[in-house]
mmCIF file of all heavy atoms, coordinates in Angstrom:
data_MODEL
# 
_entry.id   MODEL 
# 
loop_
_atom_site.group_PDB 
_atom_site.id 
_atom_site.type_symbol 
_atom_site.label_atom_id 
_atom_site.label_alt_id 
_atom_site.label_comp_id 
_atom_site.label_asym_id 
_atom_site.label_entity_id 
_atom_site.label_seq_id 
_atom_site.pdbx_PDB_ins_code 
_atom_site.Cartn_x 
_atom_site.Cartn_y 
_atom_site.Cartn_z 
_atom_site.occupancy 
_atom_site.B_iso_or_equiv 
_atom_site.pdbx_formal_charge 
_atom_site.auth_seq_id 
_atom_site.auth_comp_id 
_atom_site.auth_asym_id 
_atom_site.auth_atom_id 
_atom_site.pdbx_PDB_model_num 
ATOM 1   N N   . SER A 1 1  ? -22.912 -26.868 -75.997  1.00 0.00 ? 1  SER A N   1 
ATOM 2   C CA  . SER A 1 1  ? -22.902 -27.389 -77.360  1.00 0.00 ? 1  SER A CA  1 
ATOM 3   C C   . SER A 1 1  ? -21.497 -27.333 -77.948  1.00 0.00 ? 1  SER A C   1 
ATOM 4   O O   . SER A 1 1  ? -20.617 -26.625 -77.443  1.00 0.00 ? 1  SER A O   1 
ATOM 5   C CB  . SER A 1 1  ? -23.861 -26.586 -78.252  1.00 0.00 ? 1  SER A CB  1 
ATOM 6   O OG  . SER A 1 1  ? -23.419 -25.248 -78.392  1.00 0.00 ? 1  SER A OG  1 
ATOM 7   N N   . VAL A 1 2  ? -21.298 -28.087 -79.010  1.00 0.00 ? 2  VAL A N   1 
ATOM 8   C CA  . VAL A 1 2  ? -20.063 -28.005 -79.787  1.00 0.00 ? 2  VAL A CA  1 
ATOM 9   C C   . VAL A 1 2  ? -20.466 -27.687 -81.225  1.00 0.00 ? 2  VAL A C   1 
ATOM 10  O O   . VAL A 1 2  ? -21.587 -27.985 -81.666  1.00 0.00 ? 2  VAL A O   1 
ATOM 11  C CB  . VAL A 1 2  ? -19.240 -29.298 -79.734  1.00 0.00 ? 2  VAL A CB  1 
ATOM 12  C CG1 . VAL A 1 2  ? -18.715 -29.538 -78.321  1.00 0.00 ? 2  VAL A CG1 1 
ATOM 13  C CG2 . VAL A 1 2  ? -20.052 -30.498 -80.223  1.00 0.00 ? 2  VAL A CG2 1 
ATOM 14  N N   . GLY A 1 3  ? -19.547 -27.059 -81.949  1.00 0.00 ? 3  GLY A N   1 
ATOM 15  C CA  . GLY A 1 3  ? -19.864 -26.659 -83.308  1.00 0.00 ? 3  GLY A CA  1 
ATOM 16  C C   . GLY A 1 3  ? -18.722 -26.921 -84.265  1.00 0.00 ? 3  GLY A C   1 
ATOM 17  O O   . GLY A 1 3  ? -17.556 -27.012 -83.866  1.00 0.00 ? 3  GLY A O   1 
ATOM 18  N N   . LYS A 1 4  ? -19.077 -27.036 -85.521  1.00 0.00 ? 4  LYS A N   1 
ATOM 19  C CA  . LYS A 1 4  ? -18.095 -27.245 -86.578  1.00 0.00 ? 4  LYS A CA  1 
ATOM 20  C C   . LYS A 1 4  ? -18.391 -26.279 -87.717  1.00 0.00 ? 4  LYS A C   1 
ATOM 21  O O   . LYS A 1 4  ? -19.558 -26.042 -88.060  1.00 0.00 ? 4  LYS A O   1 
ATOM 22  C CB  . LYS A 1 4  ? -18.167 -28.685 -87.092  1.00 0.00 ? 4  LYS A CB  1 
ATOM 23  C CG  . LYS A 1 4  ? -17.156 -29.013 -88.185  1.00 0.00 ? 4  LYS A CG  1 
ATOM 24  C CD  . LYS A 1 4  ? -17.346 -30.421 -88.729  1.00 0.00 ? 4  LYS A CD  1 
ATOM 25  C CE  . LYS A 1 4  ? -18.501 -30.486 -89.698  1.00 0.00 ? 4  LYS A CE  1 
ATOM 26  N NZ  . LYS A 1 4  ? -18.506 -31.731 -90.505  1.00 0.00 ? 4  LYS A NZ  1 
ATOM 27  N N   . VAL A 1 5  ? -17.332 -25.714 -88.281  1.00 0.00 ? 5  VAL A N   1 
ATOM 28  C CA  . VAL A 1 5  ? -17.485 -24.840 -89.443  1.00 0.00 ? 5  VAL A CA  1 
ATOM 29  C C   . VAL A 1 5  ? -16.554 -25.333 -90.545  1.00 0.00 ? 5  VAL A C   1 
ATOM 30  O O   . VAL A 1 5  ? -15.343 -25.393 -90.353  1.00 0.00 ? 5  VAL A O   1 
ATOM 31  C CB  . VAL A 1 5  ? -17.151 -23.368 -89.105  1.00 0.00 ? 5  VAL A CB  1 
ATOM 32  C CG1 . VAL A 1 5  ? -17.359 -22.490 -90.339  1.00 0.00 ? 5  VAL A CG1 1 
ATOM 33  C CG2 . VAL A 1 5  ? -17.993 -22.863 -87.946  1.00 0.00 ? 5  VAL A CG2 1 
ATOM 34  N N   . LYS A 1 6  ? -17.134 -25.693 -91.673  1.00 0.00 ? 6  LYS A N   1 
ATOM 35  C CA  . LYS A 1 6  ? -16.351 -26.123 -92.840  1.00 0.00 ? 6  LYS A CA  1 
ATOM 36  C C   . LYS A 1 6  ? -16.351 -24.992 -93.853  1.00 0.00 ? 6  LYS A C   1 
ATOM 37  O O   . LYS A 1 6  ? -17.401 -24.568 -94.326  1.00 0.00 ? 6  LYS A O   1 
ATOM 38  C CB  . LYS A 1 6  ? -16.952 -27.388 -93.439  1.00 0.00 ? 6  LYS A CB  1 
ATOM 39  C CG  . LYS A 1 6  ? -16.191 -27.917 -94.650  1.00 0.00 ? 6  LYS A CG  1 
ATOM 40  C CD  . LYS A 1 6  ? -16.869 -29.158 -95.218  1.00 0.00 ? 6  LYS A CD  1 
ATOM 41  C CE  . LYS A 1 6  ? -16.165 -29.671 -96.463  1.00 0.00 ? 6  LYS A CE  1 
ATOM 42  N NZ  . LYS A 1 6  ? -16.858 -30.853 -97.034  1.00 0.00 ? 6  LYS A NZ  1 
ATOM 43  N N   . ARG A 1 7  ? -15.148 -24.501 -94.158  1.00 0.00 ? 7  ARG A N   1 
ATOM 44  C CA  . ARG A 1 7  ? -15.002 -23.389 -95.110  1.00 0.00 ? 7  ARG A CA  1 
ATOM 45  C C   . ARG A 1 7  ? -14.389 -23.909 -96.408  1.00 0.00 ? 7  ARG A C   1 
ATOM 46  O O   . ARG A 1 7  ? -13.298 -24.476 -96.390  1.00 0.00 ? 7  ARG A O   1 
ATOM 47  C CB  . ARG A 1 7  ? -14.114 -22.293 -94.519  1.00 0.00 ? 7  ARG A CB  1 
ATOM 48  C CG  . ARG A 1 7  ? -14.616 -21.698 -93.219  1.00 0.00 ? 7  ARG A CG  1 
ATOM 49  C CD  . ARG A 1 7  ? -13.564 -20.784 -92.599  1.00 0.00 ? 7  ARG A CD  1 
ATOM 50  N NE  . ARG A 1 7  ? -13.269 -19.649 -93.470  1.00 0.00 ? 7  ARG A NE  1 
ATOM 51  C CZ  . ARG A 1 7  ? -12.152 -18.930 -93.372  1.00 0.00 ? 7  ARG A CZ  1 
ATOM 52  N NH1 . ARG A 1 7  ? -11.219 -19.244 -92.484  1.00 0.00 ? 7  ARG A NH1 1 
ATOM 53  N NH2 . ARG A 1 7  ? -11.959 -17.898 -94.184  1.00 0.00 ? 7  ARG A NH2 1 
ATOM 54  N N   . THR A 1 8  ? -15.100 -23.710 -97.508  1.00 0.00 ? 8  THR A N   1 
ATOM 55  C CA  . THR A 1 8  ? -14.588 -24.086 -98.820  1.00 0.00 ? 8  THR A CA  1 
ATOM 56  C C   . THR A 1 8  ? -14.361 -22.807 -99.616  1.00 0.00 ? 8  THR A C   1 
ATOM 57  O O   . THR A 1 8  ? -15.315 -22.089 -99.941  1.00 0.00 ? 8  THR A O   1 
ATOM 58  C CB  . THR A 1 8  ? -15.574 -25.002 -99.562  1.00 0.00 ? 8  THR A CB  1 
ATOM 59  O OG1 . THR A 1 8  ? -15.858 -26.147 -98.734  1.00 0.00 ? 8  THR A OG1 1 
ATOM 60  C CG2 . THR A 1 8  ? -14.989 -25.466 -100.875 1.00 0.00 ? 8  THR A CG2 1 
ATOM 61  N N   . ILE A 1 9  ? -13.105 -22.502 -99.890  1.00 0.00 ? 9  ILE A N   1 
ATOM 62  C CA  . ILE A 1 9  ? -12.736 -21.234 -100.521 1.00 0.00 ? 9  ILE A CA  1 
ATOM 63  C C   . ILE A 1 9  ? -12.133 -21.493 -101.896 1.00 0.00 ? 9  ILE A C   1 
ATOM 64  O O   . ILE A 1 9  ? -11.201 -22.294 -102.032 1.00 0.00 ? 9  ILE A O   1 
ATOM 65  C CB  . ILE A 1 9  ? -11.726 -20.464 -99.644  1.00 0.00 ? 9  ILE A CB  1 
ATOM 66  C CG1 . ILE A 1 9  ? -12.315 -20.208 -98.246  1.00 0.00 ? 9  ILE A CG1 1 
ATOM 67  C CG2 . ILE A 1 9  ? -11.315 -19.148 -100.301 1.00 0.00 ? 9  ILE A CG2 1 
ATOM 68  C CD1 . ILE A 1 9  ? -11.300 -19.718 -97.239  1.00 0.00 ? 9  ILE A CD1 1 
ATOM 69  N N   . THR A 1 10 ? -12.681 -20.814 -102.891 1.00 0.00 ? 10 THR A N   1 
ATOM 70  C CA  . THR A 1 10 ? -12.150 -20.904 -104.252 1.00 0.00 ? 10 THR A CA  1 
ATOM 71  C C   . THR A 1 10 ? -11.653 -19.530 -104.677 1.00 0.00 ? 10 THR A C   1 
ATOM 72  O O   . THR A 1 10 ? -12.407 -18.551 -104.664 1.00 0.00 ? 10 THR A O   1 
ATOM 73  C CB  . THR A 1 10 ? -13.216 -21.403 -105.240 1.00 0.00 ? 10 THR A CB  1 
ATOM 74  O OG1 . THR A 1 10 ? -13.707 -22.677 -104.809 1.00 0.00 ? 10 THR A OG1 1 
ATOM 75  C CG2 . THR A 1 10 ? -12.631 -21.539 -106.635 1.00 0.00 ? 10 THR A CG2 1 
ATOM 76  N N   . LYS A 1 11 ? -10.382 -19.468 -105.027 1.00 0.00 ? 11 LYS A N   1 
ATOM 77  C CA  . LYS A 1 11 ? -9.772  -18.200 -105.450 1.00 0.00 ? 11 LYS A CA  1 
ATOM 78  C C   . LYS A 1 11 ? -8.713  -18.488 -106.509 1.00 0.00 ? 11 LYS A C   1 
ATOM 79  O O   . LYS A 1 11 ? -7.876  -19.374 -106.322 1.00 0.00 ? 11 LYS A O   1 
ATOM 80  C CB  . LYS A 1 11 ? -9.144  -17.484 -104.254 1.00 0.00 ? 11 LYS A CB  1 
ATOM 81  C CG  . LYS A 1 11 ? -8.621  -16.087 -104.575 1.00 0.00 ? 11 LYS A CG  1 
ATOM 82  C CD  . LYS A 1 11 ? -8.131  -15.378 -103.322 1.00 0.00 ? 11 LYS A CD  1 
ATOM 83  C CE  . LYS A 1 11 ? -7.672  -13.967 -103.657 1.00 0.00 ? 11 LYS A CE  1 
ATOM 84  N NZ  . LYS A 1 11 ? -7.192  -13.242 -102.447 1.00 0.00 ? 11 LYS A NZ  1 
ATOM 85  N N   . ASN A 1 12 ? -8.786  -17.741 -107.602 1.00 0.00 ? 12 ASN A N   1 
ATOM 86  C CA  . ASN A 1 12 ? -7.842  -17.913 -108.718 1.00 0.00 ? 12 ASN A CA  1 
ATOM 87  C C   . ASN A 1 12 ? -7.796  -19.360 -109.200 1.00 0.00 ? 12 ASN A C   1 
ATOM 88  O O   . ASN A 1 12 ? -6.730  -19.897 -109.509 1.00 0.00 ? 12 ASN A O   1 
ATOM 89  C CB  . ASN A 1 12 ? -6.436  -17.454 -108.313 1.00 0.00 ? 12 ASN A CB  1 
ATOM 90  C CG  . ASN A 1 12 ? -6.387  -15.980 -107.944 1.00 0.00 ? 12 ASN A CG  1 
ATOM 91  O OD1 . ASN A 1 12 ? -7.111  -15.171 -108.524 1.00 0.00 ? 12 ASN A OD1 1 
ATOM 92  N ND2 . ASN A 1 12 ? -5.552  -15.639 -106.972 1.00 0.00 ? 12 ASN A ND2 1 
ATOM 93  N N   . GLY A 1 13 ? -8.970  -19.999 -109.223 1.00 0.00 ? 13 GLY A N   1 
ATOM 94  C CA  . GLY A 1 13 ? -9.060  -21.359 -109.717 1.00 0.00 ? 13 GLY A CA  1 
ATOM 95  C C   . GLY A 1 13 ? -8.595  -22.427 -108.750 1.00 0.00 ? 13 GLY A C   1 
ATOM 96  O O   . GLY A 1 13 ? -8.641  -23.617 -109.057 1.00 0.00 ? 13 GLY A O   1 
ATOM 97  N N   . LYS A 1 14 ? -8.174  -22.030 -107.558 1.00 0.00 ? 14 LYS A N   1 
ATOM 98  C CA  . LYS A 1 14 ? -7.698  -22.989 -106.562 1.00 0.00 ? 14 LYS A CA  1 
ATOM 99  C C   . LYS A 1 14 ? -8.692  -23.087 -105.405 1.00 0.00 ? 14 LYS A C   1 
ATOM 100 O O   . LYS A 1 14 ? -9.142  -22.070 -104.881 1.00 0.00 ? 14 LYS A O   1 
ATOM 101 C CB  . LYS A 1 14 ? -6.328  -22.563 -106.028 1.00 0.00 ? 14 LYS A CB  1 
ATOM 102 C CG  . LYS A 1 14 ? -5.719  -23.544 -105.047 1.00 0.00 ? 14 LYS A CG  1 
ATOM 103 C CD  . LYS A 1 14 ? -4.356  -23.068 -104.567 1.00 0.00 ? 14 LYS A CD  1 
ATOM 104 C CE  . LYS A 1 14 ? -3.750  -24.040 -103.565 1.00 0.00 ? 14 LYS A CE  1 
ATOM 105 N NZ  . LYS A 1 14 ? -2.410  -23.590 -103.077 1.00 0.00 ? 14 LYS A NZ  1 
ATOM 106 N N   . THR A 1 15 ? -9.025  -24.304 -105.006 1.00 0.00 ? 15 THR A N   1 
ATOM 107 C CA  . THR A 1 15 ? -9.983  -24.524 -103.914 1.00 0.00 ? 15 THR A CA  1 
ATOM 108 C C   . THR A 1 15 ? -9.284  -25.109 -102.684 1.00 0.00 ? 15 THR A C   1 
ATOM 109 O O   . THR A 1 15 ? -8.525  -26.060 -102.793 1.00 0.00 ? 15 THR A O   1 
ATOM 110 C CB  . THR A 1 15 ? -11.106 -25.481 -104.361 1.00 0.00 ? 15 THR A CB  1 
ATOM 111 O OG1 . THR A 1 15 ? -11.813 -24.896 -105.468 1.00 0.00 ? 15 THR A OG1 1 
ATOM 112 C CG2 . THR A 1 15 ? -12.092 -25.729 -103.225 1.00 0.00 ? 15 THR A CG2 1 
ATOM 113 N N   . THR A 1 16 ? -9.553  -24.504 -101.534 1.00 0.00 ? 16 THR A N   1 
ATOM 114 C CA  . THR A 1 16 ? -9.023  -25.007 -100.261 1.00 0.00 ? 16 THR A CA  1 
ATOM 115 C C   . THR A 1 16 ? -10.184 -25.260 -99.304  1.00 0.00 ? 16 THR A C   1 
ATOM 116 O O   . THR A 1 16 ? -11.199 -24.557 -99.352  1.00 0.00 ? 16 THR A O   1 
ATOM 117 C CB  . THR A 1 16 ? -8.039  -24.006 -99.614  1.00 0.00 ? 16 THR A CB  1 
ATOM 118 O OG1 . THR A 1 16 ? -8.720  -22.753 -99.395  1.00 0.00 ? 16 THR A OG1 1 
ATOM 119 C CG2 . THR A 1 16 ? -6.826  -23.775 -100.508 1.00 0.00 ? 16 THR A CG2 1 
ATOM 120 N N   . VAL A 1 17 ? -10.028 -26.260 -98.460  1.00 0.00 ? 17 VAL A N   1 
ATOM 121 C CA  . VAL A 1 17 ? -11.059 -26.604 -97.485  1.00 0.00 ? 17 VAL A CA  1 
ATOM 122 C C   . VAL A 1 17 ? -10.450 -26.573 -96.089  1.00 0.00 ? 17 VAL A C   1 
ATOM 123 O O   . VAL A 1 17 ? -9.388  -27.149 -95.840  1.00 0.00 ? 17 VAL A O   1 
ATOM 124 C CB  . VAL A 1 17 ? -11.657 -28.001 -97.764  1.00 0.00 ? 17 VAL A CB  1 
ATOM 125 C CG1 . VAL A 1 17 ? -12.712 -28.348 -96.712  1.00 0.00 ? 17 VAL A CG1 1 
ATOM 126 C CG2 . VAL A 1 17 ? -12.259 -28.061 -99.162  1.00 0.00 ? 17 VAL A CG2 1 
ATOM 127 N N   . GLU A 1 18 ? -11.123 -25.890 -95.171  1.00 0.00 ? 18 GLU A N   1 
ATOM 128 C CA  . GLU A 1 18 ? -10.660 -25.785 -93.785  1.00 0.00 ? 18 GLU A CA  1 
ATOM 129 C C   . GLU A 1 18 ? -11.822 -26.093 -92.851  1.00 0.00 ? 18 GLU A C   1 
ATOM 130 O O   . GLU A 1 18 ? -12.939 -25.625 -93.069  1.00 0.00 ? 18 GLU A O   1 
ATOM 131 C CB  . GLU A 1 18 ? -10.136 -24.362 -93.522  1.00 0.00 ? 18 GLU A CB  1 
ATOM 132 C CG  . GLU A 1 18 ? -9.664  -24.128 -92.093  1.00 0.00 ? 18 GLU A CG  1 
ATOM 133 C CD  . GLU A 1 18 ? -9.270  -22.681 -91.841  1.00 0.00 ? 18 GLU A CD  1 
ATOM 134 O OE1 . GLU A 1 18 ? -9.838  -21.785 -92.506  1.00 0.00 ? 18 GLU A OE1 1 
ATOM 135 O OE2 . GLU A 1 18 ? -8.405  -22.434 -90.981  1.00 0.00 ? 18 GLU A OE2 1 
ATOM 136 N N   . THR A 1 19 ? -11.559 -26.887 -91.824  1.00 0.00 ? 19 THR A N   1 
ATOM 137 C CA  . THR A 1 19 ? -12.599 -27.211 -90.846  1.00 0.00 ? 19 THR A CA  1 
ATOM 138 C C   . THR A 1 19 ? -12.172 -26.719 -89.470  1.00 0.00 ? 19 THR A C   1 
ATOM 139 O O   . THR A 1 19 ? -11.069 -27.020 -89.004  1.00 0.00 ? 19 THR A O   1 
ATOM 140 C CB  . THR A 1 19 ? -12.853 -28.733 -90.790  1.00 0.00 ? 19 THR A CB  1 
ATOM 141 O OG1 . THR A 1 19 ? -13.211 -29.199 -92.099  1.00 0.00 ? 19 THR A OG1 1 
ATOM 142 C CG2 . THR A 1 19 ? -13.988 -29.053 -89.830  1.00 0.00 ? 19 THR A CG2 1 
ATOM 143 N N   . LEU A 1 20 ? -13.048 -25.953 -88.838  1.00 0.00 ? 20 LEU A N   1 
ATOM 144 C CA  . LEU A 1 20 ? -12.777 -25.368 -87.529  1.00 0.00 ? 20 LEU A CA  1 
ATOM 145 C C   . LEU A 1 20 ? -13.786 -25.906 -86.521  1.00 0.00 ? 20 LEU A C   1 
ATOM 146 O O   . LEU A 1 20 ? -14.943 -26.179 -86.864  1.00 0.00 ? 20 LEU A O   1 
ATOM 147 C CB  . LEU A 1 20 ? -12.875 -23.835 -87.598  1.00 0.00 ? 20 LEU A CB  1 
ATOM 148 C CG  . LEU A 1 20 ? -12.032 -23.153 -88.686  1.00 0.00 ? 20 LEU A CG  1 
ATOM 149 C CD1 . LEU A 1 20 ? -12.394 -21.682 -88.797  1.00 0.00 ? 20 LEU A CD1 1 
ATOM 150 C CD2 . LEU A 1 20 ? -10.550 -23.311 -88.387  1.00 0.00 ? 20 LEU A CD2 1 
ATOM 151 N N   . TYR A 1 21 ? -13.348 -26.019 -85.256  1.00 0.00 ? 21 TYR A N   1 
ATOM 152 C CA  . TYR A 1 21 ? -14.210 -26.561 -84.205  1.00 0.00 ? 21 TYR A CA  1 
ATOM 153 C C   . TYR A 1 21 ? -14.342 -25.558 -83.056  1.00 0.00 ? 21 TYR A C   1 
ATOM 154 O O   . TYR A 1 21 ? -13.409 -24.802 -82.763  1.00 0.00 ? 21 TYR A O   1 
ATOM 155 C CB  . TYR A 1 21 ? -13.648 -27.886 -83.692  1.00 0.00 ? 21 TYR A CB  1 
ATOM 156 C CG  . TYR A 1 21 ? -13.564 -28.933 -84.771  1.00 0.00 ? 21 TYR A CG  1 
ATOM 157 C CD1 . TYR A 1 21 ? -12.387 -29.119 -85.505  1.00 0.00 ? 21 TYR A CD1 1 
ATOM 158 C CD2 . TYR A 1 21 ? -14.658 -29.736 -85.085  1.00 0.00 ? 21 TYR A CD2 1 
ATOM 159 C CE1 . TYR A 1 21 ? -12.312 -30.075 -86.515  1.00 0.00 ? 21 TYR A CE1 1 
ATOM 160 C CE2 . TYR A 1 21 ? -14.593 -30.686 -86.087  1.00 0.00 ? 21 TYR A CE2 1 
ATOM 161 C CZ  . TYR A 1 21 ? -13.416 -30.849 -86.803  1.00 0.00 ? 21 TYR A CZ  1 
ATOM 162 O OH  . TYR A 1 21 ? -13.337 -31.789 -87.805  1.00 0.00 ? 21 TYR A OH  1 
ATOM 163 N N   . TYR A 1 22 ? -15.520 -25.591 -82.400  1.00 0.00 ? 22 TYR A N   1 
ATOM 164 C CA  . TYR A 1 22 ? -15.818 -24.625 -81.349  1.00 0.00 ? 22 TYR A CA  1 
ATOM 165 C C   . TYR A 1 22 ? -16.553 -25.294 -80.195  1.00 0.00 ? 22 TYR A C   1 
ATOM 166 O O   . TYR A 1 22 ? -17.246 -26.303 -80.389  1.00 0.00 ? 22 TYR A O   1 
ATOM 167 C CB  . TYR A 1 22 ? -16.708 -23.493 -81.891  1.00 0.00 ? 22 TYR A CB  1 
ATOM 168 C CG  . TYR A 1 22 ? -16.058 -22.661 -82.965  1.00 0.00 ? 22 TYR A CG  1 
ATOM 169 C CD1 . TYR A 1 22 ? -16.082 -23.082 -84.302  1.00 0.00 ? 22 TYR A CD1 1 
ATOM 170 C CD2 . TYR A 1 22 ? -15.410 -21.469 -82.665  1.00 0.00 ? 22 TYR A CD2 1 
ATOM 171 C CE1 . TYR A 1 22 ? -15.478 -22.334 -85.293  1.00 0.00 ? 22 TYR A CE1 1 
ATOM 172 C CE2 . TYR A 1 22 ? -14.809 -20.711 -83.652  1.00 0.00 ? 22 TYR A CE2 1 
ATOM 173 C CZ  . TYR A 1 22 ? -14.845 -21.144 -84.966  1.00 0.00 ? 22 TYR A CZ  1 
ATOM 174 O OH  . TYR A 1 22 ? -14.244 -20.403 -85.957  1.00 0.00 ? 22 TYR A OH  1 
ATOM 175 N N   . ILE A 1 23 ? -16.396 -24.708 -79.011  1.00 0.00 ? 23 ILE A N   1 
ATOM 176 C CA  . ILE A 1 23 ? -17.240 -25.079 -77.874  1.00 0.00 ? 23 ILE A CA  1 
ATOM 177 C C   . ILE A 1 23 ? -18.047 -23.840 -77.499  1.00 0.00 ? 23 ILE A C   1 
ATOM 178 O O   . ILE A 1 23 ? -17.590 -22.711 -77.677  1.00 0.00 ? 23 ILE A O   1 
ATOM 179 C CB  . ILE A 1 23 ? -16.411 -25.576 -76.673  1.00 0.00 ? 23 ILE A CB  1 
ATOM 180 C CG1 . ILE A 1 23 ? -15.405 -24.513 -76.197  1.00 0.00 ? 23 ILE A CG1 1 
ATOM 181 C CG2 . ILE A 1 23 ? -15.701 -26.873 -77.011  1.00 0.00 ? 23 ILE A CG2 1 
ATOM 182 C CD1 . ILE A 1 23 ? -14.668 -24.884 -74.927  1.00 0.00 ? 23 ILE A CD1 1 
ATOM 183 N N   . SER A 1 24 ? -19.252 -24.062 -76.979  1.00 0.00 ? 24 SER A N   1 
ATOM 184 C CA  . SER A 1 24 ? -20.129 -22.925 -76.735  1.00 0.00 ? 24 SER A CA  1 
ATOM 185 C C   . SER A 1 24 ? -21.093 -23.188 -75.585  1.00 0.00 ? 24 SER A C   1 
ATOM 186 O O   . SER A 1 24 ? -21.460 -24.333 -75.307  1.00 0.00 ? 24 SER A O   1 
ATOM 187 C CB  . SER A 1 24 ? -20.930 -22.593 -77.997  1.00 0.00 ? 24 SER A CB  1 
ATOM 188 O OG  . SER A 1 24 ? -21.838 -21.548 -77.778  1.00 0.00 ? 24 SER A OG  1 
# 
């Protein structure tokens, strides 16, 4: 399988989005 993780982080009023990919 393959996987994706989307992380949405909000800190001090600022939002960042990061997408990571995996094989399994």
